[in-house]
């Protein structure tokens, strides 16, 4: 089978394998433990903005519902491990989100999630930068990385104060994007601006 595989496809699979190996080496060197948590759960996720895939268990159950859900993230079981004393840990695995498909979203994808005990957001952000730089080096690339706050990003790219701009100002900043405003909250408008006006420029 491998001999019949087009060279470009095989090259991508090899690059993916090298990336996964790099991620594992990165965390092993920092004493962050790789763990594996269940993909199937007896409950859906609690984020109202994420829709879970579900199925029904067909085997024998002594009690309780038969419905099962595919995880949208390993967050909950990872935090249970942290509470049980696992120490710093990470998981690299498949997750599932119903209703999401497009240029940047697939209903099934690989997610890397990790937790550091007693780290502040700045220290964790620095580690994210280190990992991104290591991954880019794998393909002979680099990146100019800027560290900006959410408010600084909105001010620089749109000339808006993300915390104080009125809803009307947020709508105007969206430009000619066709959006039905019914039911949209302020956070929804900010998310639309981030996704449609700011991210494409970065």
Protein backbone atom coordinates (compact mmCIF):
# COMPACT_ATOMS: atom_id res chain seq x y z
CA UNK A 1 0.00 0.00 0.00
CA UNK A 2 2.78 2.46 0.91
CA UNK A 3 4.49 1.89 -2.47
CA UNK A 4 1.32 2.91 -4.32
CA UNK A 5 0.81 6.05 -2.24
CA UNK A 6 1.50 9.31 -4.11
CA UNK A 7 4.76 10.90 -2.99
CA UNK A 8 3.15 14.16 -1.92
CA UNK A 9 0.69 12.35 0.34
CA UNK A 10 3.45 10.27 1.92
CA UNK A 11 5.56 13.39 2.47
CA UNK A 12 2.68 15.05 4.33
CA UNK A 13 2.17 11.99 6.50
CA UNK A 14 5.87 11.93 7.31
CA UNK A 15 5.82 15.62 8.21
CA UNK A 16 2.81 15.05 10.46
CA UNK A 17 4.64 12.20 12.22
CA UNK A 18 7.70 14.42 12.71
CA UNK A 19 5.52 17.19 14.14
CA UNK A 20 3.91 14.81 16.63
CA UNK A 21 7.35 13.52 17.63
CA UNK A 22 8.57 17.10 18.10
CA UNK A 23 5.59 17.92 20.34
CA UNK A 24 6.24 14.86 22.49
CA UNK A 25 9.96 15.63 22.75
CA UNK A 26 9.17 19.27 23.60
CA UNK A 27 7.02 18.32 26.56
CA UNK A 28 9.17 15.38 27.69
CA UNK A 29 12.14 17.76 27.96
CA UNK A 30 10.03 19.95 30.25
CA UNK A 31 8.72 17.07 32.39
CA UNK A 32 5.13 17.52 31.19
CA UNK A 33 3.39 14.14 31.25
CA UNK A 34 1.51 12.85 28.21
CA UNK A 35 -1.86 11.37 29.18
CA UNK A 36 -4.81 9.84 27.35
CA UNK A 37 -8.39 10.53 28.41
CA UNK A 38 -11.71 9.05 27.21
CA UNK A 39 -13.20 10.21 23.91
CA UNK A 40 -16.69 9.05 24.87
CA UNK A 41 -18.57 10.61 27.76
CA UNK A 42 -21.87 10.16 29.57
CA UNK A 43 -22.45 13.93 29.33
CA UNK A 44 -22.10 16.60 26.67
CA UNK A 45 -19.82 19.60 27.09
CA UNK A 46 -21.14 22.57 29.05
CA UNK A 47 -20.17 25.30 26.57
CA UNK A 48 -23.39 26.59 24.95
CA UNK A 49 -21.42 27.66 21.84
CA UNK A 50 -20.12 24.16 21.07
CA UNK A 51 -22.41 21.40 19.83
CA UNK A 52 -21.47 17.82 20.69
CA UNK A 53 -21.88 14.70 18.57
CA UNK A 54 -23.90 12.03 20.33
CA UNK A 55 -24.82 8.40 19.91
CA UNK A 56 -26.73 5.74 21.86
CA UNK A 57 -25.02 2.86 23.62
CA UNK A 58 -26.62 -0.44 22.51
CA UNK A 59 -25.21 -2.75 25.19
CA UNK A 60 -26.52 -3.62 28.65
CA UNK A 61 -26.64 -0.80 31.19
CA UNK A 62 -27.70 -1.41 34.79
CA UNK A 63 -29.02 2.11 35.17
CA UNK A 64 -28.87 5.51 33.59
CA UNK A 65 -29.24 6.95 30.13
CA UNK A 66 -27.91 5.26 27.02
CA UNK A 67 -26.85 8.51 25.35
CA UNK A 68 -23.12 9.06 24.94
CA UNK A 69 -21.22 12.06 23.58
CA UNK A 70 -17.94 12.41 21.73
CA UNK A 71 -15.68 14.88 23.48
CA UNK A 72 -15.25 18.37 22.06
CA UNK A 73 -12.12 18.85 24.17
CA UNK A 74 -10.17 16.87 26.79
CA UNK A 75 -10.45 19.82 29.20
CA UNK A 76 -12.73 18.24 31.80
CA UNK A 77 -10.91 14.89 32.18
CA UNK A 78 -7.52 16.65 32.14
CA UNK A 79 -8.64 18.91 34.98
CA UNK A 80 -9.84 15.86 36.89
CA UNK A 81 -6.36 14.38 36.52
CA UNK A 82 -4.82 17.63 37.76
CA UNK A 83 -7.12 17.58 40.79
CA UNK A 84 -6.08 13.98 41.46
CA UNK A 85 -2.41 14.96 41.53
CA UNK A 86 -1.14 14.17 38.03
CA UNK A 87 1.07 17.23 37.86
CA UNK A 88 1.69 19.12 34.61
CA UNK A 89 0.14 17.15 31.75
CA UNK A 90 -0.91 17.31 28.12
CA UNK A 91 -2.93 15.38 25.58
CA UNK A 92 -2.60 15.26 21.81
CA UNK A 93 -5.73 13.62 20.45
CA UNK A 94 -8.86 13.70 18.35
CA UNK A 95 -11.85 15.84 19.29
CA UNK A 96 -15.26 16.34 17.68
CA UNK A 97 -17.48 19.40 17.26
CA UNK A 98 -20.82 19.16 15.52
CA UNK A 99 -22.00 21.95 13.25
CA UNK A 100 -18.51 23.30 12.55
CA UNK A 101 -17.11 23.04 9.04
CA UNK A 102 -15.30 25.52 6.85
CA UNK A 103 -11.91 26.89 5.85
CA UNK A 104 -10.71 26.84 9.48
CA UNK A 105 -12.95 24.21 11.02
CA UNK A 106 -13.56 20.49 10.61
CA UNK A 107 -16.04 18.46 12.67
CA UNK A 108 -13.16 16.14 13.66
CA UNK A 109 -9.65 17.39 14.29
CA UNK A 110 -6.53 16.89 16.40
CA UNK A 111 -6.19 19.13 19.44
CA UNK A 112 -3.19 19.73 21.68
CA UNK A 113 -4.16 20.82 25.18
CA UNK A 114 -1.86 21.16 28.17
CA UNK A 115 -1.87 22.45 31.72
CA UNK A 116 0.86 23.89 33.91
CA UNK A 117 0.32 24.10 37.65
CA UNK A 118 0.82 27.56 39.20
CA UNK A 119 1.84 29.20 35.93
CA UNK A 120 0.50 32.64 35.03
CA UNK A 121 -0.75 33.49 31.55
CA UNK A 122 2.46 35.29 30.55
CA UNK A 123 4.64 32.28 31.34
CA UNK A 124 2.26 29.95 29.53
CA UNK A 125 2.13 32.30 26.51
CA UNK A 126 5.93 32.22 26.35
CA UNK A 127 5.82 28.42 26.23
CA UNK A 128 3.24 28.53 23.42
CA UNK A 129 5.61 30.79 21.47
CA UNK A 130 8.51 28.37 22.04
CA UNK A 131 6.43 25.47 20.73
CA UNK A 132 5.23 27.39 17.67
CA UNK A 133 8.79 28.42 16.84
CA UNK A 134 9.99 24.82 17.20
CA UNK A 135 7.20 23.61 14.89
CA UNK A 136 8.01 26.25 12.27
CA UNK A 137 11.70 25.33 12.41
CA UNK A 138 10.68 21.80 11.47
CA UNK A 139 9.78 23.10 7.99
CA UNK A 140 12.60 25.63 7.80
CA UNK A 141 10.48 28.63 8.63
CA UNK A 142 10.44 31.30 11.27
CA UNK A 143 7.97 33.93 12.38
CA UNK A 144 7.97 37.43 13.78
CA UNK A 145 5.89 37.04 16.91
CA UNK A 146 4.19 40.02 18.49
CA UNK A 147 2.63 39.93 21.92
CA UNK A 148 -0.47 42.11 22.11
CA UNK A 149 -3.41 42.29 24.45
CA UNK A 150 -6.93 41.87 23.06
CA UNK A 151 -7.54 45.61 23.47
CA UNK A 152 -4.24 46.52 21.79
CA UNK A 153 -5.09 44.32 18.81
CA UNK A 154 -8.49 45.96 18.29
CA UNK A 155 -6.97 49.43 18.66
CA UNK A 156 -4.19 48.76 16.15
CA UNK A 157 -6.23 46.95 13.50
CA UNK A 158 -9.60 48.70 13.73
CA UNK A 159 -8.98 51.86 15.73
CA UNK A 160 -11.55 50.65 18.26
CA UNK A 161 -11.59 50.44 22.02
CA UNK A 162 -12.85 46.86 22.41
CA UNK A 163 -13.96 47.51 25.98
CA UNK A 164 -15.75 50.82 25.48
CA UNK A 165 -16.96 50.98 21.86
CA UNK A 166 -20.74 51.11 21.48
CA UNK A 167 -22.68 48.33 19.78
CA UNK A 168 -23.33 50.73 16.88
CA UNK A 169 -19.58 51.35 16.47
CA UNK A 170 -18.94 47.61 16.44
CA UNK A 171 -21.55 47.12 13.70
CA UNK A 172 -20.04 49.90 11.58
CA UNK A 173 -16.56 48.39 11.99
CA UNK A 174 -17.81 45.11 10.50
CA UNK A 175 -18.19 46.96 7.18
CA UNK A 176 -20.13 45.36 4.35
CA UNK A 177 -20.39 41.93 5.98
CA UNK A 178 -23.99 40.74 5.76
CA UNK A 179 -24.99 39.84 9.30
CA UNK A 180 -28.43 39.41 10.82
CA UNK A 181 -28.12 41.40 14.07
CA UNK A 182 -31.11 39.73 15.72
CA UNK A 183 -30.09 38.13 18.99
CA UNK A 184 -26.40 39.06 18.72
CA UNK A 185 -24.72 40.10 21.95
CA UNK A 186 -21.79 42.48 22.30
CA UNK A 187 -19.44 39.50 22.60
CA UNK A 188 -20.89 38.11 19.35
CA UNK A 189 -20.05 41.36 17.54
CA UNK A 190 -16.52 41.33 18.94
CA UNK A 191 -16.07 37.70 17.84
CA UNK A 192 -17.29 38.58 14.34
CA UNK A 193 -14.83 41.47 14.13
CA UNK A 194 -11.99 39.29 15.35
CA UNK A 195 -12.79 36.51 12.87
CA UNK A 196 -13.71 38.56 9.80
CA UNK A 197 -11.78 41.82 10.07
CA UNK A 198 -8.72 41.16 12.23
CA UNK A 199 -7.60 37.54 11.78
CA UNK A 200 -7.37 37.74 7.95
CA UNK A 201 -4.82 40.55 8.36
CA UNK A 202 -2.56 38.69 10.75
